[in-house]
């Protein structure tokens, strides 16, 4: 095939610095680890969960990492500990009780090829609910830099290398907002995909410890994971 005069071959085209920041290497055949968050004390529930089965049927399943949470457990550090165990280039963060399907996984896999964090926003058909979550997203984006529609979505996929860059301080469900906010602060590309074939959206509820989490993040946010040697030196 003959190129037009003056045309630049795609293979030799050099991106400018700004455009290069918006490009991510596709991970089309990379395995996907799954972090399953559950209030069920039986770890076997993670292996049998819909999210794990859907990734397995796709032929992309890596390791399954079970995270047990209840009112006595600090959610952020628990998720961070699970992220530290991830070995695959991609990781899904979900809940054992969440229902997955092929459309959800296909949309997230397509999205993650061009971003660092892909979030599946659950659908809502009610006009009032749409208005509420849009307003909440704008306020959340202005205050925290996490202006997504569905921060507590159990349909998240990320490039694991990026999630390992920062700690998660929040003890409540606000850990999910913190994770998105810190990704944004560190210049991650975030994409939110509307999921037409998913369970309905519910208004976010972060739990009893959310006020303390917000105060701590405002006063002393951490963007670097401290090594044990650094902690000893501070003491």
C-alpha atoms as a PDB file:
ATOM      1  CA  UNK A   1       0.000   0.000   0.000  1.00  0.00           C
ATOM      2  CA  UNK A   2       1.401   3.408  -1.026  1.00  0.00           C
ATOM      3  CA  UNK A   3       1.410   6.246   1.501  1.00  0.00           C
ATOM      4  CA  UNK A   4       0.219   9.710   0.593  1.00  0.00           C
ATOM      5  CA  UNK A   5       2.960  12.296   0.011  1.00  0.00           C
ATOM      6  CA  UNK A   6       4.055  13.864   3.284  1.00  0.00           C
ATOM      7  CA  UNK A   7       2.227  11.281   5.409  1.00  0.00           C
ATOM      8  CA  UNK A   8       3.941   9.996   8.553  1.00  0.00           C
ATOM      9  CA  UNK A   9       4.065   6.263   9.130  1.00  0.00           C
ATOM     10  CA  UNK A  10       2.422   5.338  12.497  1.00  0.00           C
ATOM     11  CA  UNK A  11       5.456   3.227  13.433  1.00  0.00           C
ATOM     12  CA  UNK A  12       7.844   6.192  13.201  1.00  0.00           C
ATOM     13  CA  UNK A  13       5.581   8.938  14.532  1.00  0.00           C
ATOM     14  CA  UNK A  14       6.974  10.480  17.715  1.00  0.00           C
ATOM     15  CA  UNK A  15       4.446  11.640  20.306  1.00  0.00           C
ATOM     16  CA  UNK A  16       4.873  14.987  22.009  1.00  0.00           C
ATOM     17  CA  UNK A  17       5.346  14.985  25.786  1.00  0.00           C
ATOM     18  CA  UNK A  18       1.698  15.790  26.527  1.00  0.00           C
ATOM     19  CA  UNK A  19       0.293  13.112  24.197  1.00  0.00           C
ATOM     20  CA  UNK A  20       2.720  10.535  25.610  1.00  0.00           C
ATOM     21  CA  UNK A  21       1.190  11.037  29.078  1.00  0.00           C
ATOM     22  CA  UNK A  22      -2.198   9.978  27.725  1.00  0.00           C
ATOM     23  CA  UNK A  23      -0.994   6.695  26.218  1.00  0.00           C
ATOM     24  CA  UNK A  24      -0.960   3.367  28.054  1.00  0.00           C
ATOM     25  CA  UNK A  25       0.471   0.087  26.832  1.00  0.00           C
ATOM     26  CA  UNK A  26      -2.368  -2.367  26.081  1.00  0.00           C
ATOM     27  CA  UNK A  27      -2.527  -5.367  28.424  1.00  0.00           C
ATOM     28  CA  UNK A  28      -4.733  -7.550  26.252  1.00  0.00           C
ATOM     29  CA  UNK A  29      -3.383 -10.922  27.388  1.00  0.00           C
ATOM     30  CA  UNK A  30      -2.238 -10.047  30.904  1.00  0.00           C
ATOM     31  CA  UNK A  31      -3.569 -12.120  33.817  1.00  0.00           C
ATOM     32  CA  UNK A  32      -5.925 -10.459  36.297  1.00  0.00           C
ATOM     33  CA  UNK A  33      -5.695 -10.954  40.053  1.00  0.00           C
ATOM     34  CA  UNK A  34      -8.972 -10.517  41.930  1.00  0.00           C
ATOM     35  CA  UNK A  35      -9.252  -8.929  45.384  1.00  0.00           C
ATOM     36  CA  UNK A  36     -12.528 -10.093  46.948  1.00  0.00           C
ATOM     37  CA  UNK A  37     -13.811  -8.078  49.898  1.00  0.00           C
ATOM     38  CA  UNK A  38     -16.266  -9.946  52.106  1.00  0.00           C
ATOM     39  CA  UNK A  39     -17.973  -9.923  55.485  1.00  0.00           C
ATOM     40  CA  UNK A  40     -18.155 -13.712  55.220  1.00  0.00           C
ATOM     41  CA  UNK A  41     -15.542 -15.326  57.462  1.00  0.00           C
ATOM     42  CA  UNK A  42     -15.251 -18.279  55.056  1.00  0.00           C
ATOM     43  CA  UNK A  43     -12.440 -17.512  52.604  1.00  0.00           C
ATOM     44  CA  UNK A  44     -13.807 -20.125  50.180  1.00  0.00           C
ATOM     45  CA  UNK A  45     -16.607 -17.672  49.334  1.00  0.00           C
ATOM     46  CA  UNK A  46     -14.096 -15.629  47.325  1.00  0.00           C
ATOM     47  CA  UNK A  47     -13.182 -18.536  45.026  1.00  0.00           C
ATOM     48  CA  UNK A  48     -16.857 -19.182  44.339  1.00  0.00           C
ATOM     49  CA  UNK A  49     -17.833 -15.528  43.822  1.00  0.00           C
ATOM     50  CA  UNK A  50     -19.370 -14.252  40.601  1.00  0.00           C
ATOM     51  CA  UNK A  51     -16.480 -11.865  39.936  1.00  0.00           C
ATOM     52  CA  UNK A  52     -13.852 -14.594  40.165  1.00  0.00           C
ATOM     53  CA  UNK A  53     -15.893 -16.971  38.013  1.00  0.00           C
ATOM     54  CA  UNK A  54     -16.411 -14.308  35.350  1.00  0.00           C
ATOM     55  CA  UNK A  55     -12.681 -13.514  35.130  1.00  0.00           C
ATOM     56  CA  UNK A  56     -11.927 -17.249  35.113  1.00  0.00           C
ATOM     57  CA  UNK A  57     -14.326 -17.889  32.218  1.00  0.00           C
ATOM     58  CA  UNK A  58     -12.612 -15.078  30.344  1.00  0.00           C
ATOM     59  CA  UNK A  59      -9.367 -17.031  30.666  1.00  0.00           C
ATOM     60  CA  UNK A  60      -7.595 -14.196  32.490  1.00  0.00           C
ATOM     61  CA  UNK A  61      -7.685 -15.266  36.153  1.00  0.00           C
ATOM     62  CA  UNK A  62      -4.480 -14.949  38.144  1.00  0.00           C
ATOM     63  CA  UNK A  63      -4.543 -15.097  41.947  1.00  0.00           C
ATOM     64  CA  UNK A  64      -7.582 -14.653  44.177  1.00  0.00           C
ATOM     65  CA  UNK A  65      -6.950 -12.558  47.298  1.00  0.00           C
ATOM     66  CA  UNK A  66      -9.563 -12.704  50.038  1.00  0.00           C
ATOM     67  CA  UNK A  67     -10.118  -9.673  52.309  1.00  0.00           C
ATOM     68  CA  UNK A  68     -12.350 -10.125  55.336  1.00  0.00           C
ATOM     69  CA  UNK A  69     -13.886  -6.943  56.755  1.00  0.00           C
ATOM     70  CA  UNK A  70     -16.238  -6.170  59.626  1.00  0.00           C
ATOM     71  CA  UNK A  71     -16.836  -3.211  61.941  1.00  0.00           C
ATOM     72  CA  UNK A  72     -13.633  -3.903  63.870  1.00  0.00           C
ATOM     73  CA  UNK A  73     -11.322  -3.990  60.830  1.00  0.00           C
ATOM     74  CA  UNK A  74      -9.648  -0.964  59.237  1.00  0.00           C
ATOM     75  CA  UNK A  75     -10.732  -1.258  55.611  1.00  0.00           C
ATOM     76  CA  UNK A  76      -8.032   0.889  53.979  1.00  0.00           C
ATOM     77  CA  UNK A  77      -5.018  -0.934  55.453  1.00  0.00           C
ATOM     78  CA  UNK A  78      -6.744  -4.274  54.726  1.00  0.00           C
ATOM     79  CA  UNK A  79      -7.125  -3.358  51.045  1.00  0.00           C
ATOM     80  CA  UNK A  80      -3.559  -2.038  50.928  1.00  0.00           C
ATOM     81  CA  UNK A  81      -2.269  -5.312  52.366  1.00  0.00           C
ATOM     82  CA  UNK A  82      -4.177  -7.196  49.660  1.00  0.00           C
ATOM     83  CA  UNK A  83      -2.776  -4.934  46.923  1.00  0.00           C
ATOM     84  CA  UNK A  84       0.740  -5.699  48.180  1.00  0.00           C
ATOM     85  CA  UNK A  85       0.055  -9.406  47.466  1.00  0.00           C
ATOM     86  CA  UNK A  86      -0.986  -8.795  43.859  1.00  0.00           C
ATOM     87  CA  UNK A  87       1.381 -10.388  41.339  1.00  0.00           C
ATOM     88  CA  UNK A  88      -0.415  -9.812  38.022  1.00  0.00           C
ATOM     89  CA  UNK A  89      -0.258  -6.589  35.951  1.00  0.00           C
ATOM     90  CA  UNK A  90      -4.007  -6.096  36.412  1.00  0.00           C
ATOM     91  CA  UNK A  91      -6.206  -6.372  39.473  1.00  0.00           C
ATOM     92  CA  UNK A  92      -9.960  -6.337  40.032  1.00  0.00           C
ATOM     93  CA  UNK A  93     -11.385  -4.982  43.286  1.00  0.00           C
ATOM     94  CA  UNK A  94     -14.806  -6.410  44.002  1.00  0.00           C
ATOM     95  CA  UNK A  95     -17.049  -7.932  46.660  1.00  0.00           C
ATOM     96  CA  UNK A  96     -17.949 -11.585  46.978  1.00  0.00           C
ATOM     97  CA  UNK A  97     -21.663 -10.702  46.951  1.00  0.00           C
ATOM     98  CA  UNK A  98     -21.507  -8.728  43.670  1.00  0.00           C
ATOM     99  CA  UNK A  99     -23.020 -10.190  40.528  1.00  0.00           C
ATOM    100  CA  UNK A 100     -20.827 -10.026  37.430  1.00  0.00           C
ATOM    101  CA  UNK A 101     -21.468 -10.853  33.776  1.00  0.00           C
ATOM    102  CA  UNK A 102     -19.587 -10.929  30.481  1.00  0.00           C
ATOM    103  CA  UNK A 103     -20.584  -7.378  29.537  1.00  0.00           C
ATOM    104  CA  UNK A 104     -19.067  -5.960  32.733  1.00  0.00           C
ATOM    105  CA  UNK A 105     -15.708  -7.706  32.358  1.00  0.00           C
ATOM    106  CA  UNK A 106     -15.502  -6.906  28.631  1.00  0.00           C
ATOM    107  CA  UNK A 107     -16.121  -3.209  29.240  1.00  0.00           C
ATOM    108  CA  UNK A 108     -13.525  -3.012  32.013  1.00  0.00           C
ATOM    109  CA  UNK A 109     -10.899  -4.900  29.976  1.00  0.00           C
ATOM    110  CA  UNK A 110     -11.435  -2.574  27.020  1.00  0.00           C
ATOM    111  CA  UNK A 111     -11.213   0.507  29.213  1.00  0.00           C
ATOM    112  CA  UNK A 112      -8.079  -0.517  31.130  1.00  0.00           C
ATOM    113  CA  UNK A 113      -6.064  -0.749  27.915  1.00  0.00           C
ATOM    114  CA  UNK A 114      -6.155   3.058  27.809  1.00  0.00           C
ATOM    115  CA  UNK A 115      -6.122   4.033  31.486  1.00  0.00           C
ATOM    116  CA  UNK A 116      -4.763   3.181  34.948  1.00  0.00           C
ATOM    117  CA  UNK A 117      -8.073   2.772  36.791  1.00  0.00           C
ATOM    118  CA  UNK A 118     -11.359   1.689  35.215  1.00  0.00           C
ATOM    119  CA  UNK A 119     -14.546   2.008  37.275  1.00  0.00           C
ATOM    120  CA  UNK A 120     -17.867   0.488  36.289  1.00  0.00           C
ATOM    121  CA  UNK A 121     -20.708   2.804  37.341  1.00  0.00           C
ATOM    122  CA  UNK A 122     -23.878   0.927  38.247  1.00  0.00           C
ATOM    123  CA  UNK A 123     -27.022   2.086  36.434  1.00  0.00           C
ATOM    124  CA  UNK A 124     -29.935   4.065  37.794  1.00  0.00           C
ATOM    125  CA  UNK A 125     -33.205   4.737  35.986  1.00  0.00           C
ATOM    126  CA  UNK A 126     -34.729   7.241  38.417  1.00  0.00           C
ATOM    127  CA  UNK A 127     -34.318  10.913  37.562  1.00  0.00           C
ATOM    128  CA  UNK A 128     -33.930  11.994  41.197  1.00  0.00           C
ATOM    129  CA  UNK A 129     -31.200   9.399  41.797  1.00  0.00           C
ATOM    130  CA  UNK A 130     -29.343  10.536  38.674  1.00  0.00           C
ATOM    131  CA  UNK A 131     -29.454  14.133  39.866  1.00  0.00           C
ATOM    132  CA  UNK A 132     -28.308  13.198  43.383  1.00  0.00           C
ATOM    133  CA  UNK A 133     -25.302  11.211  42.228  1.00  0.00           C
ATOM    134  CA  UNK A 134     -24.292  13.827  39.648  1.00  0.00           C
ATOM    135  CA  UNK A 135     -24.364  16.584  42.266  1.00  0.00           C
ATOM    136  CA  UNK A 136     -22.520  14.357  44.764  1.00  0.00           C
ATOM    137  CA  UNK A 137     -19.875  13.535  42.159  1.00  0.00           C
ATOM    138  CA  UNK A 138     -19.254  17.220  41.424  1.00  0.00           C
ATOM    139  CA  UNK A 139     -18.910  18.058  45.122  1.00  0.00           C
ATOM    140  CA  UNK A 140     -16.663  15.024  45.687  1.00  0.00           C
ATOM    141  CA  UNK A 141     -14.564  16.011  42.709  1.00  0.00           C
ATOM    142  CA  UNK A 142     -14.183  19.597  43.893  1.00  0.00           C
ATOM    143  CA  UNK A 143     -13.245  18.675  47.480  1.00  0.00           C
ATOM    144  CA  UNK A 144     -11.382  15.386  47.021  1.00  0.00           C
ATOM    145  CA  UNK A 145     -10.526  15.124  43.339  1.00  0.00           C
ATOM    146  CA  UNK A 146     -12.615  11.953  43.112  1.00  0.00           C
ATOM    147  CA  UNK A 147     -15.535  13.121  41.014  1.00  0.00           C
ATOM    148  CA  UNK A 148     -16.798   9.767  39.798  1.00  0.00           C
ATOM    149  CA  UNK A 149     -20.450   8.769  39.882  1.00  0.00           C
ATOM    150  CA  UNK A 150     -20.020   5.479  41.735  1.00  0.00           C
ATOM    151  CA  UNK A 151     -16.971   5.485  44.068  1.00  0.00           C
ATOM    152  CA  UNK A 152     -18.172   2.406  45.978  1.00  0.00           C
ATOM    153  CA  UNK A 153     -18.684   0.403  42.803  1.00  0.00           C
ATOM    154  CA  UNK A 154     -17.631  -3.249  43.223  1.00  0.00           C
ATOM    155  CA  UNK A 155     -16.558  -3.163  39.568  1.00  0.00           C
ATOM    156  CA  UNK A 156     -13.064  -1.695  39.555  1.00  0.00           C
ATOM    157  CA  UNK A 157     -10.047  -2.763  37.519  1.00  0.00           C
ATOM    158  CA  UNK A 158      -6.613  -1.197  37.848  1.00  0.00           C
ATOM    159  CA  UNK A 159      -3.040  -1.518  36.737  1.00  0.00           C
ATOM    160  CA  UNK A 160      -1.598  -3.031  39.894  1.00  0.00           C
ATOM    161  CA  UNK A 161       1.732  -1.214  39.602  1.00  0.00           C
ATOM    162  CA  UNK A 162      -0.059   2.111  40.026  1.00  0.00           C
ATOM    163  CA  UNK A 163      -2.046   1.058  43.102  1.00  0.00           C
ATOM    164  CA  UNK A 164       1.186   0.027  44.818  1.00  0.00           C
ATOM    165  CA  UNK A 165       2.515   3.589  44.720  1.00  0.00           C
ATOM    166  CA  UNK A 166       0.563   4.979  47.687  1.00  0.00           C
ATOM    167  CA  UNK A 167      -0.879   3.953  51.077  1.00  0.00           C
ATOM    168  CA  UNK A 168      -4.589   3.865  51.906  1.00  0.00           C
ATOM    169  CA  UNK A 169      -5.191   5.524  55.270  1.00  0.00           C
ATOM    170  CA  UNK A 170      -8.979   5.440  55.661  1.00  0.00           C
ATOM    171  CA  UNK A 171     -10.467   2.978  58.131  1.00  0.00           C
ATOM    172  CA  UNK A 172     -14.002   3.167  56.713  1.00  0.00           C
ATOM    173  CA  UNK A 173     -15.499   2.632  53.253  1.00  0.00           C
ATOM    174  CA  UNK A 174     -14.132   6.085  52.454  1.00  0.00           C
ATOM    175  CA  UNK A 175     -10.988   4.149  51.526  1.00  0.00           C
ATOM    176  CA  UNK A 176     -12.500   3.736  48.042  1.00  0.00           C
ATOM    177  CA  UNK A 177     -12.822   7.511  47.601  1.00  0.00           C
ATOM    178  CA  UNK A 178      -9.295   7.988  48.948  1.00  0.00           C
ATOM    179  CA  UNK A 179      -7.906   5.466  46.458  1.00  0.00           C
ATOM    180  CA  UNK A 180      -9.535   7.275  43.520  1.00  0.00           C
ATOM    181  CA  UNK A 181      -8.434  10.681  44.824  1.00  0.00           C
ATOM    182  CA  UNK A 182      -4.807   9.608  45.236  1.00  0.00           C
ATOM    183  CA  UNK A 183      -4.766   8.007  41.794  1.00  0.00           C
ATOM    184  CA  UNK A 184      -5.991  11.328  40.403  1.00  0.00           C
ATOM    185  CA  UNK A 185      -3.450  13.339  42.421  1.00  0.00           C
ATOM    186  CA  UNK A 186      -0.625  11.145  41.080  1.00  0.00           C
ATOM    187  CA  UNK A 187      -1.759  11.750  37.476  1.00  0.00           C
ATOM    188  CA  UNK A 188      -3.418   8.407  36.815  1.00  0.00           C
ATOM    189  CA  UNK A 189      -5.757   8.145  33.873  1.00  0.00           C
ATOM    190  CA  UNK A 190      -9.198   7.290  35.308  1.00  0.00           C
ATOM    191  CA  UNK A 191     -12.101   6.114  33.199  1.00  0.00           C
ATOM    192  CA  UNK A 192     -15.639   5.543  34.449  1.00  0.00           C
ATOM    193  CA  UNK A 193     -17.740   3.236  32.294  1.00  0.00           C
ATOM    194  CA  UNK A 194     -21.530   3.173  32.613  1.00  0.00           C
ATOM    195  CA  UNK A 195     -22.703  -0.429  33.017  1.00  0.00           C
ATOM    196  CA  UNK A 196     -26.175  -1.008  31.552  1.00  0.00           C
ATOM    197  CA  UNK A 197     -26.251  -4.701  32.542  1.00  0.00           C
ATOM    198  CA  UNK A 198     -25.376  -4.467  36.229  1.00  0.00           C
ATOM    199  CA  UNK A 199     -27.248  -4.308  39.550  1.00  0.00           C
ATOM    200  CA  UNK A 200     -28.736  -0.908  40.361  1.00  0.00           C
ATOM    201  CA  UNK A 201     -26.709   1.903  41.916  1.00  0.00           C
ATOM    202  CA  UNK A 202     -27.193   2.685  45.597  1.00  0.00           C
ATOM    203  CA  UNK A 203     -26.338   5.937  47.369  1.00  0.00           C
ATOM    204  CA  UNK A 204     -22.855   5.742  49.001  1.00  0.00           C
ATOM    205  CA  UNK A 205     -22.703   4.902  52.701  1.00  0.00           C
ATOM    206  CA  UNK A 206     -19.225   5.085  54.206  1.00  0.00           C
ATOM    207  CA  UNK A 207     -19.826   3.973  57.785  1.00  0.00           C
ATOM    208  CA  UNK A 208     -19.200   5.360  61.267  1.00  0.00           C
ATOM    209  CA  UNK A 209     -15.492   6.173  60.914  1.00  0.00           C
ATOM    210  CA  UNK A 210     -15.827   8.396  57.847  1.00  0.00           C
ATOM    211  CA  UNK A 211     -15.587  11.736  59.700  1.00  0.00           C
ATOM    212  CA  UNK A 212     -12.302  10.749  61.324  1.00  0.00           C
ATOM    213  CA  UNK A 213     -10.990   9.561  57.952  1.00  0.00           C
ATOM    214  CA  UNK A 214     -11.815  12.866  56.275  1.00  0.00           C
ATOM    215  CA  UNK A 215     -10.113  14.864  59.048  1.00  0.00           C
ATOM    216  CA  UNK A 216      -6.984  12.703  58.877  1.00  0.00           C
ATOM    217  CA  UNK A 217      -6.754  13.001  55.095  1.00  0.00           C
ATOM    218  CA  UNK A 218      -7.212  16.770  55.178  1.00  0.00           C
ATOM    219  CA  UNK A 219      -4.602  17.269  57.879  1.00  0.00           C
ATOM    220  CA  UNK A 220      -1.982  14.693  56.920  1.00  0.00           C
ATOM    221  CA  UNK A 221      -2.418  12.867  53.614  1.00  0.00           C
ATOM    222  CA  UNK A 222       0.270  10.302  52.770  1.00  0.00           C
ATOM    223  CA  UNK A 223       1.299   9.700  49.177  1.00  0.00           C
ATOM    224  CA  UNK A 224       4.300   7.454  49.756  1.00  0.00           C
ATOM    225  CA  UNK A 225       4.389   4.013  51.340  1.00  0.00           C
ATOM    226  CA  UNK A 226       6.858   4.118  54.207  1.00  0.00           C
ATOM    227  CA  UNK A 227       9.427   1.368  54.523  1.00  0.00           C
ATOM    228  CA  UNK A 228      10.001  -0.259  57.919  1.00  0.00           C
ATOM    229  CA  UNK A 229      13.434   1.395  58.157  1.00  0.00           C
ATOM    230  CA  UNK A 230      11.893   4.847  57.624  1.00  0.00           C
ATOM    231  CA  UNK A 231       9.340   4.269  60.383  1.00  0.00           C
ATOM    232  CA  UNK A 232      12.104   3.234  62.828  1.00  0.00           C
ATOM    233  CA  UNK A 233      14.111   6.371  62.010  1.00  0.00           C
ATOM    234  CA  UNK A 234      11.095   8.614  62.720  1.00  0.00           C
ATOM    235  CA  UNK A 235      10.582   6.954  66.096  1.00  0.00           C
END
